[in-house]
């Protein structure tokens, strides 16, 4: 046994001696893809070996995640994903071809990506409290847009409805662009959106930001108060994290974690991530495991309350 352990440690010491694939189960060009490519560049520099991003899209992230789960347990296939896929899909989809906990080992919770609660300027509300009061006075009249059933902005609004005890009409679109187009035109009045997607519209007065989905104020939009100031306990920090396949040698995970710590210490990396609306977190593998466990419970509750399912 000692000989085997020594051999494994020596093998891990040479890691990586060939290119490493980072599977991103979301489309190229999105925030998670851009964040993953920033890290791939830094890991490539840190290890002197190429880390290559591979986008495996489909089924809300399930296809790419399944591909990663079936990869060899050698550290040469990694998964860089978002909590919307890893912690929400197990409840949202009738069948999920992976176990988010058993099939993966956590490396690091890289960053959180908060969302803004925004309204069209025609809405007579200048705070989350005023929006809630308006929705209570006009139940079912305010329409909120999303990029589709079961998407992040849909579930954020459903959680607000449930926790605040209000009723708003859901209008799903095929993607963020279509939802924002109609919102800018005033055809829907309310939405949750990522900071980069609406920042210029807020600056130009075309949309108004009422709150942010984090429990406390966020560095990516410090001027916007948390929704939690109006709805106690409202906290919807979506995160991005790096995982290895379950059973990957611990020494490999430790080397990856150490390289990630160095990468995230770079001011340039943090600034590039902030430009994507991401707030760098870092931390231990255990902290990512705890965040995943907490979110699996939280989002299962939201999905079931909203009665949203995808076959």
C-alpha atoms as a PDB file:
ATOM      1  CA  UNK A   1       0.000   0.000   0.000  1.00  0.00           C
ATOM      2  CA  UNK A   2       2.828   2.377   0.838  1.00  0.00           C
ATOM      3  CA  UNK A   3       4.433   1.687  -2.533  1.00  0.00           C
ATOM      4  CA  UNK A   4       1.157   2.406  -4.322  1.00  0.00           C
ATOM      5  CA  UNK A   5       0.696   5.648  -2.398  1.00  0.00           C
ATOM      6  CA  UNK A   6       4.247   6.713  -3.209  1.00  0.00           C
ATOM      7  CA  UNK A   7       3.716   5.916  -6.890  1.00  0.00           C
ATOM      8  CA  UNK A   8       0.472   7.923  -6.906  1.00  0.00           C
ATOM      9  CA  UNK A   9       2.170  10.894  -5.234  1.00  0.00           C
ATOM     10  CA  UNK A  10       5.027  10.790  -7.745  1.00  0.00           C
ATOM     11  CA  UNK A  11       2.554  10.639 -10.629  1.00  0.00           C
ATOM     12  CA  UNK A  12       0.646  13.610  -9.225  1.00  0.00           C
ATOM     13  CA  UNK A  13       3.912  15.493  -8.823  1.00  0.00           C
ATOM     14  CA  UNK A  14       4.377  15.399 -12.599  1.00  0.00           C
ATOM     15  CA  UNK A  15       0.833  16.660 -13.203  1.00  0.00           C
ATOM     16  CA  UNK A  16       0.081  18.000 -15.742  1.00  0.00           C
ATOM     17  CA  UNK A  17       2.442  16.582 -18.366  1.00  0.00           C
ATOM     18  CA  UNK A  18      -0.022  16.940 -21.239  1.00  0.00           C
ATOM     19  CA  UNK A  19      -2.939  19.273 -22.153  1.00  0.00           C
ATOM     20  CA  UNK A  20      -5.901  19.473 -19.763  1.00  0.00           C
ATOM     21  CA  UNK A  21      -9.498  19.870 -20.969  1.00  0.00           C
ATOM     22  CA  UNK A  22     -11.880  22.180 -19.112  1.00  0.00           C
ATOM     23  CA  UNK A  23     -15.460  21.300 -20.026  1.00  0.00           C
ATOM     24  CA  UNK A  24     -17.824  24.265 -19.831  1.00  0.00           C
ATOM     25  CA  UNK A  25     -21.423  23.050 -20.241  1.00  0.00           C
ATOM     26  CA  UNK A  26     -22.632  26.474 -21.371  1.00  0.00           C
ATOM     27  CA  UNK A  27     -22.338  28.258 -24.721  1.00  0.00           C
ATOM     28  CA  UNK A  28     -19.286  30.152 -25.919  1.00  0.00           C
ATOM     29  CA  UNK A  29     -19.460  33.908 -25.356  1.00  0.00           C
ATOM     30  CA  UNK A  30     -21.527  33.782 -22.166  1.00  0.00           C
ATOM     31  CA  UNK A  31     -20.257  35.023 -18.804  1.00  0.00           C
ATOM     32  CA  UNK A  32     -19.322  31.549 -17.558  1.00  0.00           C
ATOM     33  CA  UNK A  33     -17.440  30.801 -20.774  1.00  0.00           C
ATOM     34  CA  UNK A  34     -15.484  34.047 -20.534  1.00  0.00           C
ATOM     35  CA  UNK A  35     -14.645  33.439 -16.869  1.00  0.00           C
ATOM     36  CA  UNK A  36     -13.546  29.890 -17.697  1.00  0.00           C
ATOM     37  CA  UNK A  37     -11.276  31.100 -20.473  1.00  0.00           C
ATOM     38  CA  UNK A  38      -9.678  33.656 -18.158  1.00  0.00           C
ATOM     39  CA  UNK A  39      -8.851  30.839 -15.732  1.00  0.00           C
ATOM     40  CA  UNK A  40      -7.678  28.531 -18.514  1.00  0.00           C
ATOM     41  CA  UNK A  41      -5.160  31.179 -19.571  1.00  0.00           C
ATOM     42  CA  UNK A  42      -3.904  31.611 -16.016  1.00  0.00           C
ATOM     43  CA  UNK A  43      -3.636  27.858 -15.378  1.00  0.00           C
ATOM     44  CA  UNK A  44      -1.773  27.420 -18.658  1.00  0.00           C
ATOM     45  CA  UNK A  45       0.743  30.067 -17.585  1.00  0.00           C
ATOM     46  CA  UNK A  46       1.020  28.697 -14.051  1.00  0.00           C
ATOM     47  CA  UNK A  47       1.611  25.083 -15.042  1.00  0.00           C
ATOM     48  CA  UNK A  48       3.404  25.653 -18.346  1.00  0.00           C
ATOM     49  CA  UNK A  49       0.942  23.251 -19.930  1.00  0.00           C
ATOM     50  CA  UNK A  50      -2.092  23.974 -22.072  1.00  0.00           C
ATOM     51  CA  UNK A  51      -5.551  24.096 -20.458  1.00  0.00           C
ATOM     52  CA  UNK A  52      -8.114  23.942 -23.279  1.00  0.00           C
ATOM     53  CA  UNK A  53     -11.760  25.020 -22.950  1.00  0.00           C
ATOM     54  CA  UNK A  54     -14.327  22.746 -24.564  1.00  0.00           C
ATOM     55  CA  UNK A  55     -17.940  23.959 -24.705  1.00  0.00           C
ATOM     56  CA  UNK A  56     -20.377  21.031 -24.449  1.00  0.00           C
ATOM     57  CA  UNK A  57     -23.811  22.621 -24.614  1.00  0.00           C
ATOM     58  CA  UNK A  58     -27.346  21.276 -24.427  1.00  0.00           C
ATOM     59  CA  UNK A  59     -30.123  20.413 -21.964  1.00  0.00           C
ATOM     60  CA  UNK A  60     -29.382  23.384 -19.728  1.00  0.00           C
ATOM     61  CA  UNK A  61     -25.857  22.176 -19.025  1.00  0.00           C
ATOM     62  CA  UNK A  62     -26.696  18.503 -18.476  1.00  0.00           C
ATOM     63  CA  UNK A  63     -24.906  17.212 -21.594  1.00  0.00           C
ATOM     64  CA  UNK A  64     -21.549  18.777 -20.775  1.00  0.00           C
ATOM     65  CA  UNK A  65     -21.797  17.866 -17.108  1.00  0.00           C
ATOM     66  CA  UNK A  66     -22.545  14.241 -17.973  1.00  0.00           C
ATOM     67  CA  UNK A  67     -19.543  14.159 -20.326  1.00  0.00           C
ATOM     68  CA  UNK A  68     -17.296  15.415 -17.524  1.00  0.00           C
ATOM     69  CA  UNK A  69     -18.720  12.890 -15.061  1.00  0.00           C
ATOM     70  CA  UNK A  70     -17.786  10.009 -17.384  1.00  0.00           C
ATOM     71  CA  UNK A  71     -14.212  11.196 -17.983  1.00  0.00           C
ATOM     72  CA  UNK A  72     -11.175   9.364 -16.526  1.00  0.00           C
ATOM     73  CA  UNK A  73     -10.338  10.200 -12.913  1.00  0.00           C
ATOM     74  CA  UNK A  74      -6.909  11.566 -13.689  1.00  0.00           C
ATOM     75  CA  UNK A  75      -7.298  15.332 -13.524  1.00  0.00           C
ATOM     76  CA  UNK A  76      -7.029  15.812 -17.279  1.00  0.00           C
ATOM     77  CA  UNK A  77     -10.745  16.598 -17.629  1.00  0.00           C
ATOM     78  CA  UNK A  78     -12.176  19.338 -15.409  1.00  0.00           C
ATOM     79  CA  UNK A  79     -15.650  20.847 -15.107  1.00  0.00           C
ATOM     80  CA  UNK A  80     -16.150  24.600 -14.836  1.00  0.00           C
ATOM     81  CA  UNK A  81     -19.825  25.275 -14.299  1.00  0.00           C
ATOM     82  CA  UNK A  82     -22.471  27.477 -12.732  1.00  0.00           C
ATOM     83  CA  UNK A  83     -24.751  26.703  -9.814  1.00  0.00           C
ATOM     84  CA  UNK A  84     -27.769  27.199 -12.092  1.00  0.00           C
ATOM     85  CA  UNK A  85     -26.756  23.971 -13.848  1.00  0.00           C
ATOM     86  CA  UNK A  86     -25.139  22.049 -11.005  1.00  0.00           C
ATOM     87  CA  UNK A  87     -27.508  22.854  -8.132  1.00  0.00           C
ATOM     88  CA  UNK A  88     -30.802  23.678  -9.880  1.00  0.00           C
ATOM     89  CA  UNK A  89     -30.993  21.088 -12.682  1.00  0.00           C
ATOM     90  CA  UNK A  90     -31.232  18.051 -10.362  1.00  0.00           C
ATOM     91  CA  UNK A  91     -34.673  19.285  -9.280  1.00  0.00           C
ATOM     92  CA  UNK A  92     -35.684  21.179 -12.410  1.00  0.00           C
ATOM     93  CA  UNK A  93     -35.274  18.267 -14.847  1.00  0.00           C
ATOM     94  CA  UNK A  94     -37.282  15.066 -14.576  1.00  0.00           C
ATOM     95  CA  UNK A  95     -34.117  13.052 -15.269  1.00  0.00           C
ATOM     96  CA  UNK A  96     -30.545  14.260 -14.759  1.00  0.00           C
ATOM     97  CA  UNK A  97     -27.687  12.064 -16.072  1.00  0.00           C
ATOM     98  CA  UNK A  98     -25.271  12.898 -13.249  1.00  0.00           C
ATOM     99  CA  UNK A  99     -25.089  13.239  -9.485  1.00  0.00           C
ATOM    100  CA  UNK A 100     -23.759  16.716  -8.636  1.00  0.00           C
ATOM    101  CA  UNK A 101     -22.223  15.511  -5.376  1.00  0.00           C
ATOM    102  CA  UNK A 102     -21.162  11.892  -5.962  1.00  0.00           C
ATOM    103  CA  UNK A 103     -19.782  12.338  -9.495  1.00  0.00           C
ATOM    104  CA  UNK A 104     -17.495  15.306  -8.785  1.00  0.00           C
ATOM    105  CA  UNK A 105     -14.875  16.501  -6.330  1.00  0.00           C
ATOM    106  CA  UNK A 106     -14.855  20.260  -5.607  1.00  0.00           C
ATOM    107  CA  UNK A 107     -11.725  22.313  -6.270  1.00  0.00           C
ATOM    108  CA  UNK A 108     -12.811  25.909  -5.691  1.00  0.00           C
ATOM    109  CA  UNK A 109     -15.804  28.228  -5.654  1.00  0.00           C
ATOM    110  CA  UNK A 110     -14.303  30.789  -8.004  1.00  0.00           C
ATOM    111  CA  UNK A 111     -16.790  33.668  -7.972  1.00  0.00           C
ATOM    112  CA  UNK A 112     -20.377  34.681  -7.431  1.00  0.00           C
ATOM    113  CA  UNK A 113     -22.498  36.292 -10.138  1.00  0.00           C
ATOM    114  CA  UNK A 114     -25.276  38.473  -8.701  1.00  0.00           C
ATOM    115  CA  UNK A 115     -28.364  39.585 -10.609  1.00  0.00           C
ATOM    116  CA  UNK A 116     -30.108  42.950 -10.549  1.00  0.00           C
ATOM    117  CA  UNK A 117     -33.840  43.448 -10.047  1.00  0.00           C
ATOM    118  CA  UNK A 118     -34.710  46.026 -12.704  1.00  0.00           C
ATOM    119  CA  UNK A 119     -37.908  47.764 -13.803  1.00  0.00           C
ATOM    120  CA  UNK A 120     -38.980  49.841 -16.792  1.00  0.00           C
ATOM    121  CA  UNK A 121     -39.005  53.606 -16.009  1.00  0.00           C
ATOM    122  CA  UNK A 122     -42.802  53.633 -16.376  1.00  0.00           C
ATOM    123  CA  UNK A 123     -43.136  51.529 -13.215  1.00  0.00           C
ATOM    124  CA  UNK A 124     -43.930  53.841 -10.260  1.00  0.00           C
ATOM    125  CA  UNK A 125     -41.469  52.177  -7.888  1.00  0.00           C
ATOM    126  CA  UNK A 126     -38.048  53.394  -6.796  1.00  0.00           C
ATOM    127  CA  UNK A 127     -37.207  50.573  -4.405  1.00  0.00           C
ATOM    128  CA  UNK A 128     -37.897  46.887  -3.904  1.00  0.00           C
ATOM    129  CA  UNK A 129     -40.282  47.811  -1.083  1.00  0.00           C
ATOM    130  CA  UNK A 130     -42.289  50.063  -3.416  1.00  0.00           C
ATOM    131  CA  UNK A 131     -42.366  47.377  -6.121  1.00  0.00           C
ATOM    132  CA  UNK A 132     -43.728  44.837  -3.640  1.00  0.00           C
ATOM    133  CA  UNK A 133     -46.391  47.299  -2.474  1.00  0.00           C
ATOM    134  CA  UNK A 134     -47.349  47.969  -6.105  1.00  0.00           C
ATOM    135  CA  UNK A 135     -47.587  44.249  -6.902  1.00  0.00           C
ATOM    136  CA  UNK A 136     -49.786  43.693  -3.857  1.00  0.00           C
ATOM    137  CA  UNK A 137     -52.080  46.536  -4.935  1.00  0.00           C
ATOM    138  CA  UNK A 138     -52.244  45.193  -8.512  1.00  0.00           C
ATOM    139  CA  UNK A 139     -51.988  41.385  -8.215  1.00  0.00           C
ATOM    140  CA  UNK A 140     -51.195  39.656 -11.509  1.00  0.00           C
ATOM    141  CA  UNK A 141     -50.944  42.908 -13.481  1.00  0.00           C
ATOM    142  CA  UNK A 142     -47.182  43.469 -13.457  1.00  0.00           C
ATOM    143  CA  UNK A 143     -45.402  41.285 -16.014  1.00  0.00           C
ATOM    144  CA  UNK A 144     -41.875  40.024 -15.501  1.00  0.00           C
ATOM    145  CA  UNK A 145     -39.746  38.709 -18.339  1.00  0.00           C
ATOM    146  CA  UNK A 146     -37.312  35.805 -18.309  1.00  0.00           C
ATOM    147  CA  UNK A 147     -35.124  33.991 -20.811  1.00  0.00           C
ATOM    148  CA  UNK A 148     -37.311  30.893 -20.503  1.00  0.00           C
ATOM    149  CA  UNK A 149     -38.954  28.480 -18.083  1.00  0.00           C
ATOM    150  CA  UNK A 150     -36.576  27.277 -15.406  1.00  0.00           C
ATOM    151  CA  UNK A 151     -33.864  29.812 -16.243  1.00  0.00           C
ATOM    152  CA  UNK A 152     -32.000  31.777 -13.611  1.00  0.00           C
ATOM    153  CA  UNK A 153     -34.009  34.981 -13.972  1.00  0.00           C
ATOM    154  CA  UNK A 154     -37.275  33.017 -13.907  1.00  0.00           C
ATOM    155  CA  UNK A 155     -36.405  31.302 -10.623  1.00  0.00           C
ATOM    156  CA  UNK A 156     -35.123  34.524  -9.043  1.00  0.00           C
ATOM    157  CA  UNK A 157     -38.480  36.185  -9.704  1.00  0.00           C
ATOM    158  CA  UNK A 158     -40.379  33.139  -8.460  1.00  0.00           C
ATOM    159  CA  UNK A 159     -38.374  33.203  -5.238  1.00  0.00           C
ATOM    160  CA  UNK A 160     -39.228  36.892  -4.813  1.00  0.00           C
ATOM    161  CA  UNK A 161     -42.912  36.184  -5.437  1.00  0.00           C
ATOM    162  CA  UNK A 162     -42.943  33.373  -2.886  1.00  0.00           C
ATOM    163  CA  UNK A 163     -40.985  35.160  -0.155  1.00  0.00           C
ATOM    164  CA  UNK A 164     -42.752  38.525  -0.590  1.00  0.00           C
ATOM    165  CA  UNK A 165     -46.220  37.034  -1.054  1.00  0.00           C
ATOM    166  CA  UNK A 166     -46.920  38.799  -4.351  1.00  0.00           C
ATOM    167  CA  UNK A 167     -48.318  37.792  -7.729  1.00  0.00           C
ATOM    168  CA  UNK A 168     -46.740  38.830 -11.042  1.00  0.00           C
ATOM    169  CA  UNK A 169     -47.298  37.479 -14.550  1.00  0.00           C
ATOM    170  CA  UNK A 170     -44.438  35.437 -16.016  1.00  0.00           C
ATOM    171  CA  UNK A 171     -43.602  36.090 -19.686  1.00  0.00           C
ATOM    172  CA  UNK A 172     -40.909  33.638 -20.884  1.00  0.00           C
ATOM    173  CA  UNK A 173     -38.757  34.431 -23.920  1.00  0.00           C
ATOM    174  CA  UNK A 174     -36.269  32.449 -25.981  1.00  0.00           C
ATOM    175  CA  UNK A 175     -33.152  34.016 -24.546  1.00  0.00           C
ATOM    176  CA  UNK A 176     -32.006  37.104 -22.685  1.00  0.00           C
ATOM    177  CA  UNK A 177     -31.806  39.382 -25.739  1.00  0.00           C
ATOM    178  CA  UNK A 178     -35.477  38.962 -26.621  1.00  0.00           C
ATOM    179  CA  UNK A 179     -36.569  39.532 -23.020  1.00  0.00           C
ATOM    180  CA  UNK A 180     -34.521  42.716 -22.713  1.00  0.00           C
ATOM    181  CA  UNK A 181     -35.786  44.041 -26.054  1.00  0.00           C
ATOM    182  CA  UNK A 182     -39.383  43.767 -24.883  1.00  0.00           C
ATOM    183  CA  UNK A 183     -38.526  45.193 -21.498  1.00  0.00           C
ATOM    184  CA  UNK A 184     -36.868  48.239 -23.030  1.00  0.00           C
ATOM    185  CA  UNK A 185     -40.042  48.672 -25.075  1.00  0.00           C
ATOM    186  CA  UNK A 186     -42.171  48.509 -21.917  1.00  0.00           C
ATOM    187  CA  UNK A 187     -44.011  45.318 -22.907  1.00  0.00           C
ATOM    188  CA  UNK A 188     -42.817  43.690 -19.684  1.00  0.00           C
ATOM    189  CA  UNK A 189     -42.123  45.808 -16.626  1.00  0.00           C
ATOM    190  CA  UNK A 190     -39.901  43.734 -14.331  1.00  0.00           C
ATOM    191  CA  UNK A 191     -36.926  41.390 -14.671  1.00  0.00           C
ATOM    192  CA  UNK A 192     -33.861  39.977 -12.998  1.00  0.00           C
ATOM    193  CA  UNK A 193     -30.776  40.402 -15.188  1.00  0.00           C
ATOM    194  CA  UNK A 194     -27.006  40.039 -14.951  1.00  0.00           C
ATOM    195  CA  UNK A 195     -25.113  43.251 -14.222  1.00  0.00           C
ATOM    196  CA  UNK A 196     -23.248  43.474 -17.580  1.00  0.00           C
ATOM    197  CA  UNK A 197     -26.428  42.915 -19.613  1.00  0.00           C
ATOM    198  CA  UNK A 198     -28.242  45.926 -18.157  1.00  0.00           C
ATOM    199  CA  UNK A 199     -25.496  48.234 -16.899  1.00  0.00           C
ATOM    200  CA  UNK A 200     -25.565  50.575 -19.917  1.00  0.00           C
ATOM    201  CA  UNK A 201     -29.392  50.660 -19.951  1.00  0.00           C
ATOM    202  CA  UNK A 202     -29.424  51.693 -16.291  1.00  0.00           C
ATOM    203  CA  UNK A 203     -26.799  54.390 -16.957  1.00  0.00           C
ATOM    204  CA  UNK A 204     -28.870  55.750 -19.854  1.00  0.00           C
ATOM    205  CA  UNK A 205     -32.067  55.799 -17.808  1.00  0.00           C
ATOM    206  CA  UNK A 206     -33.786  53.133 -19.921  1.00  0.00           C
ATOM    207  CA  UNK A 207     -34.082  50.793 -16.915  1.00  0.00           C
ATOM    208  CA  UNK A 208     -34.057  51.342 -13.164  1.00  0.00           C
ATOM    209  CA  UNK A 209     -32.212  49.057 -10.720  1.00  0.00           C
ATOM    210  CA  UNK A 210     -34.102  48.440  -7.481  1.00  0.00           C
ATOM    211  CA  UNK A 211     -32.110  45.687  -5.839  1.00  0.00           C
ATOM    212  CA  UNK A 212     -29.375  43.088  -6.134  1.00  0.00           C
ATOM    213  CA  UNK A 213     -29.766  39.376  -5.409  1.00  0.00           C
ATOM    214  CA  UNK A 214     -26.925  39.155  -2.866  1.00  0.00           C
ATOM    215  CA  UNK A 215     -27.510  39.156   0.876  1.00  0.00           C
ATOM    216  CA  UNK A 216     -25.231  42.195   1.250  1.00  0.00           C
ATOM    217  CA  UNK A 217     -24.128  44.931  -1.146  1.00  0.00           C
ATOM    218  CA  UNK A 218     -21.884  43.664  -3.920  1.00  0.00           C
ATOM    219  CA  UNK A 219     -18.682  45.150  -5.297  1.00  0.00           C
ATOM    220  CA  UNK A 220     -19.994  44.729  -8.857  1.00  0.00           C
ATOM    221  CA  UNK A 221     -22.846  47.198  -8.194  1.00  0.00           C
ATOM    222  CA  UNK A 222     -22.158  48.801  -4.805  1.00  0.00           C
ATOM    223  CA  UNK A 223     -24.744  51.540  -5.319  1.00  0.00           C
ATOM    224  CA  UNK A 224     -27.656  49.055  -5.450  1.00  0.00           C
ATOM    225  CA  UNK A 225     -29.151  47.835  -2.149  1.00  0.00           C
ATOM    226  CA  UNK A 226     -29.871  44.112  -1.639  1.00  0.00           C
ATOM    227  CA  UNK A 227     -33.369  42.788  -2.268  1.00  0.00           C
ATOM    228  CA  UNK A 228     -32.896  41.305   1.217  1.00  0.00           C
ATOM    229  CA  UNK A 229     -33.306  44.803   2.697  1.00  0.00           C
ATOM    230  CA  UNK A 230     -36.972  44.508   1.727  1.00  0.00           C
ATOM    231  CA  UNK A 231     -37.397  40.724   1.865  1.00  0.00           C
ATOM    232  CA  UNK A 232     -35.536  39.275   4.828  1.00  0.00           C
ATOM    233  CA  UNK A 233     -33.367  36.295   3.900  1.00  0.00           C
ATOM    234  CA  UNK A 234     -33.561  36.763   0.131  1.00  0.00           C
ATOM    235  CA  UNK A 235     -30.198  35.527  -1.113  1.00  0.00           C
ATOM    236  CA  UNK A 236     -29.551  34.210  -4.593  1.00  0.00           C
ATOM    237  CA  UNK A 237     -25.838  34.258  -5.155  1.00  0.00           C
ATOM    238  CA  UNK A 238     -25.231  32.169  -8.250  1.00  0.00           C
ATOM    239  CA  UNK A 239     -21.670  30.882  -8.281  1.00  0.00           C
ATOM    240  CA  UNK A 240     -19.149  29.510 -10.748  1.00  0.00           C
ATOM    241  CA  UNK A 241     -16.919  26.679  -9.596  1.00  0.00           C
ATOM    242  CA  UNK A 242     -14.225  24.250 -10.694  1.00  0.00           C
ATOM    243  CA  UNK A 243     -14.603  20.499 -10.172  1.00  0.00           C
ATOM    244  CA  UNK A 244     -12.589  17.370 -10.916  1.00  0.00           C
ATOM    245  CA  UNK A 245     -14.117  13.980 -11.634  1.00  0.00           C
ATOM    246  CA  UNK A 246     -14.858  12.109  -8.393  1.00  0.00           C
ATOM    247  CA  UNK A 247     -11.950   9.901  -7.425  1.00  0.00           C
ATOM    248  CA  UNK A 248      -9.249  12.097  -8.915  1.00  0.00           C
ATOM    249  CA  UNK A 249      -6.081  11.840  -6.758  1.00  0.00           C
ATOM    250  CA  UNK A 250      -6.166  14.346  -3.934  1.00  0.00           C
ATOM    251  CA  UNK A 251      -2.673  15.543  -4.791  1.00  0.00           C
ATOM    252  CA  UNK A 252      -3.922  16.638  -8.216  1.00  0.00           C
ATOM    253  CA  UNK A 253      -6.847  18.530  -6.699  1.00  0.00           C
ATOM    254  CA  UNK A 254      -4.446  20.197  -4.269  1.00  0.00           C
ATOM    255  CA  UNK A 255      -2.149  21.308  -7.115  1.00  0.00           C
ATOM    256  CA  UNK A 256      -5.103  22.735  -9.042  1.00  0.00           C
ATOM    257  CA  UNK A 257      -6.376  24.532  -5.965  1.00  0.00           C
ATOM    258  CA  UNK A 258      -2.963  26.075  -5.308  1.00  0.00           C
ATOM    259  CA  UNK A 259      -2.725  27.301  -8.898  1.00  0.00           C
ATOM    260  CA  UNK A 260      -6.228  28.788  -8.654  1.00  0.00           C
ATOM    261  CA  UNK A 261      -5.323  30.671  -5.468  1.00  0.00           C
ATOM    262  CA  UNK A 262      -2.385  32.271  -7.293  1.00  0.00           C
ATOM    263  CA  UNK A 263      -4.502  33.092 -10.351  1.00  0.00           C
ATOM    264  CA  UNK A 264      -7.261  34.774  -8.350  1.00  0.00           C
ATOM    265  CA  UNK A 265      -4.723  36.843  -6.413  1.00  0.00           C
ATOM    266  CA  UNK A 266      -3.945  38.706  -9.649  1.00  0.00           C
ATOM    267  CA  UNK A 267      -5.497  42.174  -9.794  1.00  0.00           C
ATOM    268  CA  UNK A 268      -5.796  41.829 -13.568  1.00  0.00           C
ATOM    269  CA  UNK A 269      -7.778  38.590 -13.248  1.00  0.00           C
ATOM    270  CA  UNK A 270     -10.086  40.096 -10.644  1.00  0.00           C
ATOM    271  CA  UNK A 271     -10.707  43.162 -12.826  1.00  0.00           C
ATOM    272  CA  UNK A 272     -11.446  41.025 -15.889  1.00  0.00           C
ATOM    273  CA  UNK A 273     -13.901  38.954 -13.861  1.00  0.00           C
ATOM    274  CA  UNK A 274     -15.562  42.052 -12.426  1.00  0.00           C
ATOM    275  CA  UNK A 275     -16.150  43.239 -16.001  1.00  0.00           C
ATOM    276  CA  UNK A 276     -18.317  40.113 -16.401  1.00  0.00           C
ATOM    277  CA  UNK A 277     -20.308  40.943 -13.267  1.00  0.00           C
ATOM    278  CA  UNK A 278     -18.459  38.347 -11.183  1.00  0.00           C
ATOM    279  CA  UNK A 279     -17.188  38.896  -7.643  1.00  0.00           C
ATOM    280  CA  UNK A 280     -14.145  36.733  -6.876  1.00  0.00           C
ATOM    281  CA  UNK A 281     -14.569  34.459  -3.848  1.00  0.00           C
ATOM    282  CA  UNK A 282     -11.892  31.740  -3.803  1.00  0.00           C
ATOM    283  CA  UNK A 283     -11.717  29.553  -0.701  1.00  0.00           C
ATOM    284  CA  UNK A 284     -11.330  25.849   0.014  1.00  0.00           C
ATOM    285  CA  UNK A 285     -12.828  22.791  -1.717  1.00  0.00           C
ATOM    286  CA  UNK A 286     -14.908  22.285   1.435  1.00  0.00           C
ATOM    287  CA  UNK A 287     -16.497  25.715   0.993  1.00  0.00           C
ATOM    288  CA  UNK A 288     -17.592  24.837  -2.539  1.00  0.00           C
ATOM    289  CA  UNK A 289     -19.019  21.543  -1.262  1.00  0.00           C
ATOM    290  CA  UNK A 290     -20.959  23.426   1.427  1.00  0.00           C
ATOM    291  CA  UNK A 291     -22.295  25.990  -1.078  1.00  0.00           C
ATOM    292  CA  UNK A 292     -23.458  23.193  -3.387  1.00  0.00           C
ATOM    293  CA  UNK A 293     -25.175  21.338  -0.554  1.00  0.00           C
ATOM    294  CA  UNK A 294     -26.970  24.500   0.587  1.00  0.00           C
ATOM    295  CA  UNK A 295     -28.071  25.438  -2.932  1.00  0.00           C
ATOM    296  CA  UNK A 296     -29.410  21.973  -3.739  1.00  0.00           C
ATOM    297  CA  UNK A 297     -31.833  22.371  -0.831  1.00  0.00           C
ATOM    298  CA  UNK A 298     -32.690  26.019  -1.511  1.00  0.00           C
ATOM    299  CA  UNK A 299     -33.375  25.691  -5.228  1.00  0.00           C
ATOM    300  CA  UNK A 300     -35.325  22.462  -4.814  1.00  0.00           C
ATOM    301  CA  UNK A 301     -37.668  24.441  -2.575  1.00  0.00           C
ATOM    302  CA  UNK A 302     -38.010  27.269  -5.121  1.00  0.00           C
ATOM    303  CA  UNK A 303     -38.532  24.936  -8.104  1.00  0.00           C
ATOM    304  CA  UNK A 304     -41.181  22.898  -6.283  1.00  0.00           C
ATOM    305  CA  UNK A 305     -43.006  26.004  -5.039  1.00  0.00           C
ATOM    306  CA  UNK A 306     -43.089  27.396  -8.597  1.00  0.00           C
ATOM    307  CA  UNK A 307     -44.125  23.978  -9.993  1.00  0.00           C
ATOM    308  CA  UNK A 308     -41.551  24.219 -12.761  1.00  0.00           C
ATOM    309  CA  UNK A 309     -40.350  21.024 -14.429  1.00  0.00           C
ATOM    310  CA  UNK A 310     -38.543  20.217 -17.676  1.00  0.00           C
ATOM    311  CA  UNK A 311     -38.854  16.768 -19.209  1.00  0.00           C
END
